[in-house]
Structures are given as structure tokens and as C-alpha cells.
Amino acid sequence: MKRVLYFLCFLIAAMVTNNASSQGFLKKLKDKVNKTVDKAVDKKTGVAPGGESGNNNSGSTGKPSNKGGGGLSNTTPPDVKAQMAEAESAHAAKNYSGARYSLQQALMGVEIQLGRQILKSLPASVDALNVDTVQDIVMSTQWGWNNLSIQRVWKNKTDKQLTITVGNAGVYAGLAALYFTNAGMIEANNAKQNFKQVRVKGNKAIIQYEDSKGYTLIVSLGQSSMIVWECINFANEQEVMNTANTFDIDGIKKMLGEQ
């Protein structure tokens, strides 16, 4: 690299008296030298031309990119009887934190069983939509019905879809509390409201419409649980209400202990 620079200085000194005729040649020579220097620096730092790392397996931090690992296996729901026995043994040994943990696990096991029972009670098809059991979810985070969520999806081949969530729907909890607990009321100035209160089989409910999401219908089941219907590509409000009326709301409330 030093020899290249010396050669450049020699050429500049030789042509300094004929500056006008040598401008184009000097520019080409300068570009060539810069290119040579850049390549030398890239080779030293391990950076490929264009600014990308020469090691395609590493990210910007130098860490290797993960190429797979098989993911995680499904967790088996807690065995209620086994957890109760462990809680009793821990309590007898005055291991109260262990007893508490085992009781929590037992309660989560009960909630999982309850969630599966509710899923079995739901219809296999709704308004010509078929159930997609792959998307079934039963989730318990701790204990108490405010931590239990059951979800099922029905859909068809024309992008029409219904999703029902029973139990704790956290994303709608604040909205439901505002209008069910405080009896809130919205008055719209335009001809079409995007939010209002309704009733489904005698139960207090609220319905909302957004162009990007479709219809959302929420029915309060008690102090801490609700049913939420999320309806995508439904024709109108009445179709949503008719669909909700096909569900056994009283049966779900009874299974949840809300009645």
C-alpha cells in the first residue's frame, strides 16, 4: 500500500507543470487508489464490499444467526389430584410457599378442564362457518375466573371469520367496565354510530364497529367474565346479533359459576 502512495506522489510531481492536460488522468488515478485502499481496509476488518459483513452467519452485533431448534413442546395441564396431594404434604412439612404453589397449580388444572368443557359445548358450525380447532385456546394464568380465557374460531374460504372469547378478555376489560359498571352512554352526531349498548338474550351488551376490524360484540357474564364475539366481514349489525343468539349464553354462565 505504501508503494502505491509513493507512486502517486511521483506522478503528481512529474505532471505538476502540465496541470490542465493531466486533470482527467489524475482523477482516474485517484479513484483507482481510493478503491485499492478501500479493499485493503475491508480485508483487514472482515467487511465485504458494500459494507456487509463477510460472515453471512452473523448479525450486526457479531452474534451468529439462529437456524432452528425445534421450538417448545406443549405443556401438560397440571394433574389436580397430584397437586392437591403435594400441597397437603408441603403444608404438613410447614413448607407454606410450596403448599401455595401446588394449590395454584391445582386450581389452574381445574380451570383448564373447565375451559375444555366450555369448548365442547360450543357449536361445530355457526352461520355456515366451520370451526377451526387448530386455533382453540384454553389459558389460565393463575386462579379465579378473571384469569381464565377460552377462545375458538370459525371461518370459511371467503375471509369471513368469527372469533369468540369466553372468560377474561383483557383487551376489552376497560371498555366493558366503563359501560357495564358505570352505565356509560354514547351519543353520536352522525347518522351511523360506531358504538352502542344492546342486549343479547336479555344480557347487557355493547357492540362496536370499525372498518379495519369489523364488528365486536361484548356480553357481560358477571363481575369478572364476559363473552366477546369478533366478527370479520359480516354483512351488518343484525347478522352479528343473530349469530350471537345461537350460543347458549346461560349454559356458559352456569359452567362458569356466574349464575
Protein backbone atom coordinates (compact mmCIF):
# COMPACT_ATOMS: atom_id res chain seq x y z
CA MET A 1 0.00 0.00 0.00
CA LYS A 2 2.91 2.40 0.77
CA ARG A 3 4.40 1.76 -2.68
CA VAL A 4 1.11 2.77 -4.27
CA LEU A 5 1.12 6.05 -2.39
CA TYR A 6 4.79 6.78 -3.33
CA PHE A 7 3.98 6.08 -6.96
CA LEU A 8 1.07 8.50 -6.79
CA CYS A 9 3.26 11.29 -5.34
CA PHE A 10 5.85 10.74 -8.09
CA LEU A 11 3.24 11.06 -10.80
CA ILE A 12 1.81 14.24 -9.30
CA ALA A 13 5.28 15.84 -9.11
CA ALA A 14 6.06 14.87 -12.69
CA MET A 15 2.87 16.36 -14.08
CA VAL A 16 2.55 19.47 -11.93
CA THR A 17 3.86 21.68 -14.77
CA ASN A 18 1.18 20.46 -17.14
CA ASN A 19 -1.84 20.69 -14.84
CA ALA A 20 -4.52 21.37 -17.40
CA SER A 21 -3.81 18.31 -19.52
CA SER A 22 -3.44 15.98 -16.55
CA GLN A 23 -6.71 16.68 -14.67
CA GLY A 24 -8.65 13.81 -16.19
CA PHE A 25 -5.83 11.34 -15.72
CA LEU A 26 -5.31 12.38 -12.09
CA LYS A 27 -8.99 11.91 -11.33
CA LYS A 28 -8.94 8.38 -12.73
CA LEU A 29 -5.76 7.62 -10.83
CA LYS A 30 -7.22 8.99 -7.59
CA ASP A 31 -10.35 6.83 -7.93
CA LYS A 32 -8.22 3.76 -8.55
CA VAL A 33 -6.08 4.42 -5.47
CA ASN A 34 -9.15 5.00 -3.28
CA LYS A 35 -10.64 1.74 -4.48
CA THR A 36 -7.41 -0.11 -3.68
CA VAL A 37 -7.25 1.41 -0.20
CA ASP A 38 -10.92 0.54 0.50
CA LYS A 39 -10.35 -3.08 -0.47
CA ALA A 40 -7.32 -3.29 1.82
CA VAL A 41 -9.31 -1.87 4.75
CA ASP A 42 -12.26 -4.18 4.09
CA LYS A 43 -10.00 -7.20 4.00
CA LYS A 44 -8.40 -6.20 7.32
CA THR A 45 -11.71 -5.62 9.13
CA GLY A 46 -13.54 -8.58 7.62
CA VAL A 47 -16.20 -6.44 5.96
CA ALA A 48 -17.25 -7.45 2.47
CA PRO A 49 -17.58 -4.84 -0.35
CA GLY A 50 -20.77 -2.82 0.06
CA GLY A 51 -20.48 -2.60 3.86
CA GLU A 52 -21.86 -6.08 4.68
CA SER A 53 -20.10 -8.46 7.00
CA GLY A 54 -18.06 -11.11 5.31
CA ASN A 55 -19.57 -13.70 7.67
CA ASN A 56 -23.13 -14.27 6.50
CA ASN A 57 -23.96 -16.25 9.64
CA SER A 58 -23.50 -13.26 11.96
CA GLY A 59 -25.70 -10.24 12.61
CA SER A 60 -24.64 -6.64 13.15
CA THR A 61 -23.58 -7.46 16.73
CA GLY A 62 -21.33 -10.31 15.63
CA LYS A 63 -23.65 -12.97 17.09
CA PRO A 64 -24.47 -16.00 14.93
CA SER A 65 -27.95 -16.23 13.42
CA ASN A 66 -30.17 -18.96 14.83
CA LYS A 67 -31.06 -21.59 12.22
CA GLY A 68 -33.69 -23.51 14.20
CA GLY A 69 -34.07 -25.53 17.35
CA GLY A 70 -37.38 -27.34 17.26
CA GLY A 71 -39.32 -24.87 19.41
CA LEU A 72 -41.07 -25.82 22.66
CA SER A 73 -43.31 -28.78 23.39
CA ASN A 74 -46.85 -28.30 24.68
CA THR A 75 -47.14 -28.16 28.46
CA THR A 76 -49.26 -30.86 30.04
CA PRO A 77 -52.01 -29.31 32.24
CA PRO A 78 -51.42 -29.79 35.97
CA ASP A 79 -52.78 -33.01 37.48
CA VAL A 80 -55.29 -31.73 40.02
CA LYS A 81 -55.19 -34.74 42.38
CA ALA A 82 -51.40 -34.92 42.33
CA GLN A 83 -51.06 -31.20 43.02
CA MET A 84 -53.54 -31.39 45.91
CA ALA A 85 -51.53 -34.26 47.42
CA GLU A 86 -48.31 -32.25 47.07
CA ALA A 87 -49.97 -29.23 48.67
CA GLU A 88 -51.07 -31.36 51.64
CA SER A 89 -47.57 -32.82 52.08
CA ALA A 90 -45.96 -29.40 51.85
CA HIS A 91 -48.40 -27.96 54.38
CA ALA A 92 -47.72 -30.79 56.81
CA ALA A 93 -44.00 -30.04 56.49
CA LYS A 94 -44.72 -26.33 57.12
CA ASN A 95 -43.49 -25.54 53.61
CA TYR A 96 -46.19 -22.97 53.07
CA SER A 97 -44.78 -21.45 49.88
CA GLY A 98 -44.65 -24.95 48.37
CA ALA A 99 -48.21 -25.64 49.50
CA ARG A 100 -49.36 -22.36 47.98
CA TYR A 101 -47.68 -23.13 44.67
CA SER A 102 -49.23 -26.61 44.48
CA LEU A 103 -52.68 -25.21 45.22
CA GLN A 104 -52.24 -22.65 42.46
CA GLN A 105 -51.27 -25.45 40.06
CA ALA A 106 -54.31 -27.48 41.10
CA LEU A 107 -56.63 -24.53 40.50
CA MET A 108 -55.11 -23.95 37.08
CA GLY A 109 -55.72 -27.61 36.30
CA VAL A 110 -59.37 -27.19 37.25
CA GLU A 111 -59.67 -24.13 35.01
CA ILE A 112 -58.15 -25.97 32.05
CA GLN A 113 -60.70 -28.76 32.50
CA LEU A 114 -63.47 -26.18 32.71
CA GLY A 115 -62.25 -24.44 29.58
CA ARG A 116 -62.25 -27.70 27.65
CA GLN A 117 -65.79 -28.39 28.85
CA ILE A 118 -66.94 -25.00 27.55
CA LEU A 119 -65.25 -25.60 24.18
CA LYS A 120 -67.13 -28.90 23.83
CA SER A 121 -70.41 -27.08 24.43
CA LEU A 122 -69.85 -24.65 21.54
CA PRO A 123 -71.38 -25.40 18.11
CA ALA A 124 -69.29 -27.04 15.37
CA SER A 125 -70.59 -24.60 12.76
CA VAL A 126 -72.05 -21.10 13.01
CA ASP A 127 -73.78 -19.23 10.18
CA ALA A 128 -72.18 -21.52 7.56
CA LEU A 129 -68.76 -21.02 9.17
CA ASN A 130 -66.80 -24.13 10.16
CA VAL A 131 -64.80 -24.46 13.37
CA ASP A 132 -61.01 -24.30 13.16
CA THR A 133 -59.99 -26.39 16.19
CA VAL A 134 -56.29 -25.72 15.50
CA GLN A 135 -56.86 -22.22 16.87
CA ASP A 136 -58.60 -23.38 20.07
CA ILE A 137 -57.08 -21.79 23.17
CA VAL A 138 -57.66 -22.54 26.86
CA MET A 139 -55.47 -20.36 29.05
CA SER A 140 -55.21 -19.99 32.82
CA THR A 141 -52.65 -17.59 34.25
CA GLN A 142 -53.29 -18.02 37.98
CA TRP A 143 -56.65 -18.76 39.50
CA GLY A 144 -60.08 -17.20 39.57
CA TRP A 145 -62.26 -16.72 36.51
CA ASN A 146 -60.70 -13.35 35.71
CA ASN A 147 -57.57 -15.26 34.68
CA LEU A 148 -59.32 -17.87 32.53
CA SER A 149 -59.68 -17.38 28.77
CA ILE A 150 -61.27 -19.73 26.22
CA GLN A 151 -61.10 -18.94 22.51
CA ARG A 152 -62.49 -20.58 19.38
CA VAL A 153 -62.51 -19.55 15.71
CA TRP A 154 -64.98 -20.29 12.90
CA LYS A 155 -64.28 -19.29 9.29
CA ASN A 156 -64.90 -20.02 5.63
CA LYS A 157 -62.95 -19.67 2.38
CA THR A 158 -64.19 -16.14 1.63
CA ASP A 159 -62.42 -14.34 4.51
CA LYS A 160 -65.47 -14.33 6.78
CA GLN A 161 -64.47 -15.19 10.33
CA LEU A 162 -65.94 -15.36 13.83
CA THR A 163 -63.78 -15.48 16.97
CA ILE A 164 -65.36 -15.98 20.38
CA THR A 165 -63.52 -15.40 23.65
CA VAL A 166 -65.07 -16.53 26.94
CA GLY A 167 -63.78 -15.51 30.36
CA ASN A 168 -61.15 -12.83 30.66
CA ALA A 169 -60.71 -10.73 27.50
CA GLY A 170 -58.12 -8.28 28.80
CA VAL A 171 -58.06 -6.09 25.70
CA TYR A 172 -61.74 -5.26 26.26
CA ALA A 173 -61.79 -5.25 30.07
CA GLY A 174 -61.52 -1.48 30.45
CA LEU A 175 -64.17 -0.83 27.84
CA ALA A 176 -66.56 -3.32 29.40
CA ALA A 177 -66.03 -1.93 32.90
CA LEU A 178 -66.76 1.59 31.70
CA TYR A 179 -70.11 0.77 30.14
CA PHE A 180 -71.34 -2.13 32.26
CA THR A 181 -70.30 -0.80 35.66
CA ASN A 182 -70.80 2.92 35.14
CA ALA A 183 -73.70 2.60 32.71
CA GLY A 184 -71.97 4.89 30.24
CA MET A 185 -73.76 6.22 27.19
CA ILE A 186 -72.52 7.45 23.82
CA GLU A 187 -74.50 9.79 21.61
CA ALA A 188 -73.31 10.06 18.03
CA ASN A 189 -73.83 13.20 15.99
CA ASN A 190 -73.71 11.40 12.66
CA ALA A 191 -76.30 9.05 11.18
CA LYS A 192 -74.36 5.86 11.95
CA GLN A 193 -72.93 5.14 15.40
CA ASN A 194 -69.81 3.03 15.74
CA PHE A 195 -70.57 2.05 19.35
CA LYS A 196 -73.76 1.43 21.32
CA GLN A 197 -75.45 -0.59 24.04
CA VAL A 198 -77.65 -3.59 23.18
CA ARG A 199 -79.00 -6.76 24.78
CA VAL A 200 -78.35 -10.38 23.81
CA LYS A 201 -80.88 -12.88 25.22
CA GLY A 202 -81.65 -10.42 27.98
CA ASN A 203 -77.98 -9.86 28.88
CA LYS A 204 -76.43 -6.40 28.81
CA ALA A 205 -74.08 -5.98 25.87
CA ILE A 206 -72.19 -3.41 23.85
CA ILE A 207 -71.45 -3.56 20.13
CA GLN A 208 -68.73 -1.70 18.25
CA TYR A 209 -67.85 -1.35 14.58
CA GLU A 210 -64.56 -0.39 12.96
CA ASP A 211 -63.75 -0.62 9.26
CA SER A 212 -60.39 -2.23 9.97
CA LYS A 213 -61.70 -4.82 12.47
CA GLY A 214 -65.36 -5.36 11.70
CA TYR A 215 -67.92 -5.90 14.49
CA THR A 216 -67.14 -6.57 18.16
CA LEU A 217 -69.96 -7.66 20.49
CA ILE A 218 -69.36 -7.94 24.25
CA VAL A 219 -71.77 -9.55 26.72
CA SER A 220 -71.17 -9.25 30.45
CA LEU A 221 -71.44 -12.58 32.32
CA GLY A 222 -70.84 -11.33 35.85
CA GLN A 223 -68.30 -9.49 37.93
CA SER A 224 -65.20 -10.56 36.06
CA SER A 225 -66.06 -12.55 32.96
CA MET A 226 -67.56 -11.84 29.54
CA ILE A 227 -68.18 -13.26 26.10
CA VAL A 228 -66.68 -11.41 23.13
CA TRP A 229 -67.65 -12.06 19.51
CA GLU A 230 -65.23 -10.63 16.94
CA CYS A 231 -66.94 -10.72 13.54
CA ILE A 232 -64.93 -10.07 10.38
CA ASN A 233 -66.70 -9.46 7.05
CA PHE A 234 -70.20 -9.79 8.48
CA ALA A 235 -72.80 -8.01 6.37
CA ASN A 236 -74.39 -5.87 9.09
CA GLU A 237 -75.24 -5.46 12.75
CA GLN A 238 -78.28 -7.71 12.56
CA GLU A 239 -76.23 -10.62 11.24
CA VAL A 240 -73.89 -10.26 14.24
CA MET A 241 -76.82 -10.24 16.67
CA ASN A 242 -78.41 -13.29 15.02
CA THR A 243 -75.12 -15.17 15.30
CA ALA A 244 -74.70 -14.33 18.98
CA ASN A 245 -78.23 -15.52 19.71
CA THR A 246 -77.34 -19.04 18.52
CA PHE A 247 -75.00 -19.50 21.51
CA ASP A 248 -76.13 -20.97 24.84
CA ILE A 249 -75.16 -17.99 26.97
CA ASP A 250 -77.00 -19.24 30.06
CA GLY A 251 -75.23 -22.59 29.79
CA ILE A 252 -71.84 -20.89 29.64
CA LYS A 253 -72.71 -18.71 32.63
CA LYS A 254 -73.72 -21.78 34.59
CA MET A 255 -70.48 -23.61 33.83
CA LEU A 256 -68.50 -20.54 34.91
CA GLY A 257 -70.47 -20.33 38.16
CA GLU A 258 -71.84 -16.91 37.26
CA GLN A 259 -75.45 -17.97 37.74
